[in-house]
Amino acid sequence: MAKKKAEDQPFEKTLWLTADKLRKNIDASEYKHVVLGLIFLKYISDSFEELYAKLIEVKVGFEI
């Protein structure tokens, strides 16, 4: 039986299957620490990007 290509599946299903593969050998109670860490990193990244954009707008000298 041929495997389905990623393009044939909705993004959410592909994401869910990937999460299941990552969690395979980790107990669900431990997996929450991984997920919460990733959520925190996403929050920090978004906050940094927002502050950086404000600094660029004010032209404080942080241009690339």
PDB file of N, CA and C in Angstrom:
ATOM      1  N   MET A   1       0.833  -1.181   0.000  1.00  0.00           N
ATOM      2  CA  MET A   1       0.000   0.000   0.000  1.00  0.00           C
ATOM      3  C   MET A   1       0.877   1.243   0.000  1.00  0.00           C
ATOM      4  N   ALA A   2       0.625   2.147  -0.914  1.00  0.00           N
ATOM      5  CA  ALA A   2       1.426   3.360  -1.046  1.00  0.00           C
ATOM      6  C   ALA A   2       1.050   4.371   0.029  1.00  0.00           C
ATOM      7  N   LYS A   3       2.072   5.068   0.510  1.00  0.00           N
ATOM      8  CA  LYS A   3       1.819   6.113   1.500  1.00  0.00           C
ATOM      9  C   LYS A   3       1.243   7.345   0.813  1.00  0.00           C
ATOM     10  N   LYS A   4       0.391   8.053   1.527  1.00  0.00           N
ATOM     11  CA  LYS A   4      -0.149   9.299   1.001  1.00  0.00           C
ATOM     12  C   LYS A   4       0.900  10.387   1.118  1.00  0.00           C
ATOM     13  N   LYS A   5       0.926  11.252   0.135  1.00  0.00           N
ATOM     14  CA  LYS A   5       1.826  12.392   0.191  1.00  0.00           C
ATOM     15  C   LYS A   5       1.262  13.422   1.156  1.00  0.00           C
ATOM     16  N   ALA A   6       2.147  14.255   1.691  1.00  0.00           N
ATOM     17  CA  ALA A   6       1.723  15.289   2.635  1.00  0.00           C
ATOM     18  C   ALA A   6       0.754  16.273   1.988  1.00  0.00           C
ATOM     19  N   GLU A   7       0.886  16.484   0.675  1.00  0.00           N
ATOM     20  CA  GLU A   7       0.016  17.439  -0.013  1.00  0.00           C
ATOM     21  C   GLU A   7      -1.423  16.934  -0.095  1.00  0.00           C
ATOM     22  N   ASP A   8      -1.608  15.620  -0.003  1.00  0.00           N
ATOM     23  CA  ASP A   8      -2.940  15.040  -0.117  1.00  0.00           C
ATOM     24  C   ASP A   8      -3.743  15.175   1.176  1.00  0.00           C
ATOM     25  N   GLN A   9      -3.070  15.463   2.280  1.00  0.00           N
ATOM     26  CA  GLN A   9      -3.738  15.549   3.569  1.00  0.00           C
ATOM     27  C   GLN A   9      -3.871  17.015   3.993  1.00  0.00           C
ATOM     28  N   PRO A  10      -4.911  17.318   4.759  1.00  0.00           N
ATOM     29  CA  PRO A  10      -5.004  18.677   5.300  1.00  0.00           C
ATOM     30  C   PRO A  10      -3.842  18.948   6.253  1.00  0.00           C
ATOM     31  N   PHE A  11      -3.478  20.187   6.373  1.00  0.00           N
ATOM     32  CA  PHE A  11      -2.347  20.571   7.219  1.00  0.00           C
ATOM     33  C   PHE A  11      -2.537  20.120   8.661  1.00  0.00           C
ATOM     34  N   GLU A  12      -3.747  20.277   9.183  1.00  0.00           N
ATOM     35  CA  GLU A  12      -4.004  19.907  10.571  1.00  0.00           C
ATOM     36  C   GLU A  12      -3.765  18.423  10.817  1.00  0.00           C
ATOM     37  N   LYS A  13      -4.163  17.591   9.864  1.00  0.00           N
ATOM     38  CA  LYS A  13      -3.965  16.151  10.017  1.00  0.00           C
ATOM     39  C   LYS A  13      -2.475  15.814   9.990  1.00  0.00           C
ATOM     40  N   THR A  14      -1.736  16.447   9.098  1.00  0.00           N
ATOM     41  CA  THR A  14      -0.297  16.226   9.022  1.00  0.00           C
ATOM     42  C   THR A  14       0.371  16.661  10.325  1.00  0.00           C
ATOM     43  N   LEU A  15      -0.044  17.795  10.842  1.00  0.00           N
ATOM     44  CA  LEU A  15       0.513  18.296  12.095  1.00  0.00           C
ATOM     45  C   LEU A  15       0.208  17.349  13.253  1.00  0.00           C
ATOM     46  N   TRP A  16      -1.015  16.840  13.287  1.00  0.00           N
ATOM     47  CA  TRP A  16      -1.414  15.911  14.348  1.00  0.00           C
ATOM     48  C   TRP A  16      -0.597  14.621  14.276  1.00  0.00           C
ATOM     49  N   LEU A  17      -0.418  14.077  13.074  1.00  0.00           N
ATOM     50  CA  LEU A  17       0.364  12.849  12.915  1.00  0.00           C
ATOM     51  C   LEU A  17       1.824  13.058  13.315  1.00  0.00           C
ATOM     52  N   THR A  18       2.356  14.233  13.002  1.00  0.00           N
ATOM     53  CA  THR A  18       3.727  14.552  13.383  1.00  0.00           C
ATOM     54  C   THR A  18       3.857  14.624  14.903  1.00  0.00           C
ATOM     55  N   ALA A  19       2.878  15.255  15.553  1.00  0.00           N
ATOM     56  CA  ALA A  19       2.901  15.339  17.017  1.00  0.00           C
ATOM     57  C   ALA A  19       2.826  13.942  17.636  1.00  0.00           C
ATOM     58  N   ASP A  20       2.028  13.063  17.050  1.00  0.00           N
ATOM     59  CA  ASP A  20       1.944  11.686  17.555  1.00  0.00           C
ATOM     60  C   ASP A  20       3.278  10.965  17.431  1.00  0.00           C
ATOM     61  N   LYS A  21       3.984  11.196  16.327  1.00  0.00           N
ATOM     62  CA  LYS A  21       5.294  10.562  16.150  1.00  0.00           C
ATOM     63  C   LYS A  21       6.288  11.076  17.186  1.00  0.00           C
ATOM     64  N   LEU A  22       6.237  12.372  17.474  1.00  0.00           N
ATOM     65  CA  LEU A  22       7.144  12.941  18.468  1.00  0.00           C
ATOM     66  C   LEU A  22       6.841  12.433  19.870  1.00  0.00           C
ATOM     67  N   ARG A  23       5.580  12.192  20.155  1.00  0.00           N
ATOM     68  CA  ARG A  23       5.154  11.791  21.492  1.00  0.00           C
ATOM     69  C   ARG A  23       5.248  10.287  21.710  1.00  0.00           C
ATOM     70  N   LYS A  24       5.569   9.559  20.690  1.00  0.00           N
ATOM     71  CA  LYS A  24       5.525   8.101  20.730  1.00  0.00           C
ATOM     72  C   LYS A  24       6.156   7.495  21.979  1.00  0.00           C
ATOM     73  N   ASN A  25       7.345   7.904  22.319  1.00  0.00           N
ATOM     74  CA  ASN A  25       8.058   7.295  23.432  1.00  0.00           C
ATOM     75  C   ASN A  25       8.009   8.118  24.711  1.00  0.00           C
ATOM     76  N   ILE A  26       7.156   9.120  24.753  1.00  0.00           N
ATOM     77  CA  ILE A  26       7.059   9.983  25.923  1.00  0.00           C
ATOM     78  C   ILE A  26       5.680   9.827  26.541  1.00  0.00           C
ATOM     79  N   ASP A  27       5.641   9.699  27.844  1.00  0.00           N
ATOM     80  CA  ASP A  27       4.370   9.633  28.548  1.00  0.00           C
ATOM     81  C   ASP A  27       3.629  10.963  28.383  1.00  0.00           C
ATOM     82  N   ALA A  28       2.320  10.899  28.293  1.00  0.00           N
ATOM     83  CA  ALA A  28       1.512  12.097  28.062  1.00  0.00           C
ATOM     84  C   ALA A  28       1.749  13.152  29.134  1.00  0.00           C
ATOM     85  N   SER A  29       1.952  12.736  30.373  1.00  0.00           N
ATOM     86  CA  SER A  29       2.179  13.707  31.440  1.00  0.00           C
ATOM     87  C   SER A  29       3.525  14.419  31.290  1.00  0.00           C
ATOM     88  N   GLU A  30       4.488  13.781  30.648  1.00  0.00           N
ATOM     89  CA  GLU A  30       5.779  14.412  30.383  1.00  0.00           C
ATOM     90  C   GLU A  30       5.740  15.253  29.112  1.00  0.00           C
ATOM     91  N   TYR A  31       4.919  14.846  28.169  1.00  0.00           N
ATOM     92  CA  TYR A  31       4.825  15.542  26.883  1.00  0.00           C
ATOM     93  C   TYR A  31       4.320  16.964  27.061  1.00  0.00           C
ATOM     94  N   LYS A  32       3.489  17.187  28.089  1.00  0.00           N
ATOM     95  CA  LYS A  32       2.957  18.534  28.310  1.00  0.00           C
ATOM     96  C   LYS A  32       4.078  19.518  28.584  1.00  0.00           C
ATOM     97  N   HIS A  33       5.179  19.069  29.206  1.00  0.00           N
ATOM     98  CA  HIS A  33       6.301  19.963  29.467  1.00  0.00           C
ATOM     99  C   HIS A  33       6.967  20.393  28.160  1.00  0.00           C
ATOM    100  N   VAL A  34       7.049  19.484  27.220  1.00  0.00           N
ATOM    101  CA  VAL A  34       7.616  19.811  25.908  1.00  0.00           C
ATOM    102  C   VAL A  34       6.734  20.841  25.209  1.00  0.00           C
ATOM    103  N   VAL A  35       5.441  20.595  25.191  1.00  0.00           N
ATOM    104  CA  VAL A  35       4.509  21.484  24.500  1.00  0.00           C
ATOM    105  C   VAL A  35       4.481  22.857  25.160  1.00  0.00           C
ATOM    106  N   LEU A  36       4.429  22.897  26.481  1.00  0.00           N
ATOM    107  CA  LEU A  36       4.415  24.182  27.179  1.00  0.00           C
ATOM    108  C   LEU A  36       5.699  24.964  26.924  1.00  0.00           C
ATOM    109  N   GLY A  37       6.811  24.278  26.830  1.00  0.00           N
ATOM    110  CA  GLY A  37       8.066  24.940  26.492  1.00  0.00           C
ATOM    111  C   GLY A  37       8.031  25.559  25.109  1.00  0.00           C
ATOM    112  N   LEU A  38       7.476  24.835  24.155  1.00  0.00           N
ATOM    113  CA  LEU A  38       7.363  25.366  22.790  1.00  0.00           C
ATOM    114  C   LEU A  38       6.418  26.559  22.723  1.00  0.00           C
ATOM    115  N   ILE A  39       5.324  26.501  23.472  1.00  0.00           N
ATOM    116  CA  ILE A  39       4.386  27.628  23.512  1.00  0.00           C
ATOM    117  C   ILE A  39       5.072  28.857  24.113  1.00  0.00           C
ATOM    118  N   PHE A  40       5.852  28.648  25.170  1.00  0.00           N
ATOM    119  CA  PHE A  40       6.577  29.754  25.782  1.00  0.00           C
ATOM    120  C   PHE A  40       7.573  30.365  24.803  1.00  0.00           C
ATOM    121  N   LEU A  41       8.315  29.535  24.092  1.00  0.00           N
ATOM    122  CA  LEU A  41       9.281  30.048  23.119  1.00  0.00           C
ATOM    123  C   LEU A  41       8.598  30.841  22.010  1.00  0.00           C
ATOM    124  N   LYS A  42       7.440  30.381  21.572  1.00  0.00           N
ATOM    125  CA  LYS A  42       6.673  31.109  20.555  1.00  0.00           C
ATOM    126  C   LYS A  42       6.236  32.475  21.087  1.00  0.00           C
ATOM    127  N   TYR A  43       5.770  32.517  22.331  1.00  0.00           N
ATOM    128  CA  TYR A  43       5.346  33.772  22.947  1.00  0.00           C
ATOM    129  C   TYR A  43       6.523  34.753  23.040  1.00  0.00           C
ATOM    130  N   ILE A  44       7.673  34.272  23.496  1.00  0.00           N
ATOM    131  CA  ILE A  44       8.857  35.133  23.620  1.00  0.00           C
ATOM    132  C   ILE A  44       9.291  35.641  22.249  1.00  0.00           C
ATOM    133  N   SER A  45       9.258  34.778  21.256  1.00  0.00           N
ATOM    134  CA  SER A  45       9.637  35.164  19.901  1.00  0.00           C
ATOM    135  C   SER A  45       8.714  36.253  19.359  1.00  0.00           C
ATOM    136  N   ASP A  46       7.407  36.079  19.543  1.00  0.00           N
ATOM    137  CA  ASP A  46       6.450  37.075  19.076  1.00  0.00           C
ATOM    138  C   ASP A  46       6.630  38.408  19.807  1.00  0.00           C
ATOM    139  N   SER A  47       6.874  38.335  21.109  1.00  0.00           N
ATOM    140  CA  SER A  47       7.086  39.556  21.895  1.00  0.00           C
ATOM    141  C   SER A  47       8.335  40.294  21.430  1.00  0.00           C
ATOM    142  N   PHE A  48       9.394  39.542  21.162  1.00  0.00           N
ATOM    143  CA  PHE A  48      10.625  40.153  20.681  1.00  0.00           C
ATOM    144  C   PHE A  48      10.410  40.837  19.334  1.00  0.00           C
ATOM    145  N   GLU A  49       9.750  40.155  18.418  1.00  0.00           N
ATOM    146  CA  GLU A  49       9.502  40.725  17.092  1.00  0.00           C
ATOM    147  C   GLU A  49       8.681  42.015  17.189  1.00  0.00           C
ATOM    148  N   GLU A  50       7.695  42.026  18.076  1.00  0.00           N
ATOM    149  CA  GLU A  50       6.856  43.213  18.248  1.00  0.00           C
ATOM    150  C   GLU A  50       7.679  44.386  18.794  1.00  0.00           C
ATOM    151  N   LEU A  51       8.489  44.134  19.814  1.00  0.00           N
ATOM    152  CA  LEU A  51       9.317  45.193  20.385  1.00  0.00           C
ATOM    153  C   LEU A  51      10.360  45.667  19.379  1.00  0.00           C
ATOM    154  N   TYR A  52      10.955  44.754  18.652  1.00  0.00           N
ATOM    155  CA  TYR A  52      11.948  45.112  17.642  1.00  0.00           C
ATOM    156  C   TYR A  52      11.335  46.005  16.571  1.00  0.00           C
ATOM    157  N   ALA A  53      10.108  45.674  16.141  1.00  0.00           N
ATOM    158  CA  ALA A  53       9.429  46.497  15.139  1.00  0.00           C
ATOM    159  C   ALA A  53       9.172  47.904  15.680  1.00  0.00           C
ATOM    160  N   LYS A  54       8.801  48.018  16.947  1.00  0.00           N
ATOM    161  CA  LYS A  54       8.578  49.343  17.549  1.00  0.00           C
ATOM    162  C   LYS A  54       9.875  50.140  17.595  1.00  0.00           C
ATOM    163  N   LEU A  55      10.982  49.482  17.945  1.00  0.00           N
ATOM    164  CA  LEU A  55      12.274  50.171  17.999  1.00  0.00           C
ATOM    165  C   LEU A  55      12.701  50.639  16.618  1.00  0.00           C
ATOM    166  N   ILE A  56      12.478  49.833  15.613  1.00  0.00           N
ATOM    167  CA  ILE A  56      12.808  50.228  14.240  1.00  0.00           C
ATOM    168  C   ILE A  56      11.951  51.418  13.817  1.00  0.00           C
ATOM    169  N   GLU A  57      10.692  51.396  14.201  1.00  0.00           N
ATOM    170  CA  GLU A  57       9.769  52.474  13.848  1.00  0.00           C
ATOM    171  C   GLU A  57      10.224  53.802  14.464  1.00  0.00           C
ATOM    172  N   VAL A  58      10.750  53.733  15.678  1.00  0.00           N
ATOM    173  CA  VAL A  58      11.204  54.932  16.370  1.00  0.00           C
ATOM    174  C   VAL A  58      12.602  55.338  15.884  1.00  0.00           C
ATOM    175  N   LYS A  59      13.269  54.452  15.179  1.00  0.00           N
ATOM    176  CA  LYS A  59      14.614  54.670  14.628  1.00  0.00           C
ATOM    177  C   LYS A  59      15.627  54.937  15.726  1.00  0.00           C
ATOM    178  N   VAL A  60      15.723  53.989  16.632  1.00  0.00           N
ATOM    179  CA  VAL A  60      16.636  54.096  17.751  1.00  0.00           C
ATOM    180  C   VAL A  60      18.048  53.669  17.366  1.00  0.00           C
ATOM    181  N   GLY A  61      18.240  53.203  16.145  1.00  0.00           N
ATOM    182  CA  GLY A  61      19.551  52.766  15.722  1.00  0.00           C
ATOM    183  C   GLY A  61      19.715  51.272  15.721  1.00  0.00           C
ATOM    184  N   PHE A  62      18.617  50.531  15.684  1.00  0.00           N
ATOM    185  CA  PHE A  62      18.662  49.085  15.676  1.00  0.00           C
ATOM    186  C   PHE A  62      18.412  48.506  14.297  1.00  0.00           C
ATOM    187  N   GLU A  63      18.599  49.310  13.258  1.00  0.00           N
ATOM    188  CA  GLU A  63      18.353  48.808  11.908  1.00  0.00           C
ATOM    189  C   GLU A  63      19.387  47.749  11.554  1.00  0.00           C
ATOM    190  N   ILE A  64      18.979  46.862  10.672  1.00  0.00           N
ATOM    191  CA  ILE A  64      19.887  45.802  10.217  1.00  0.00           C
ATOM    192  C   ILE A  64      20.784  46.344   9.144  1.00  0.00           C
TER     193      ILE A  64
END
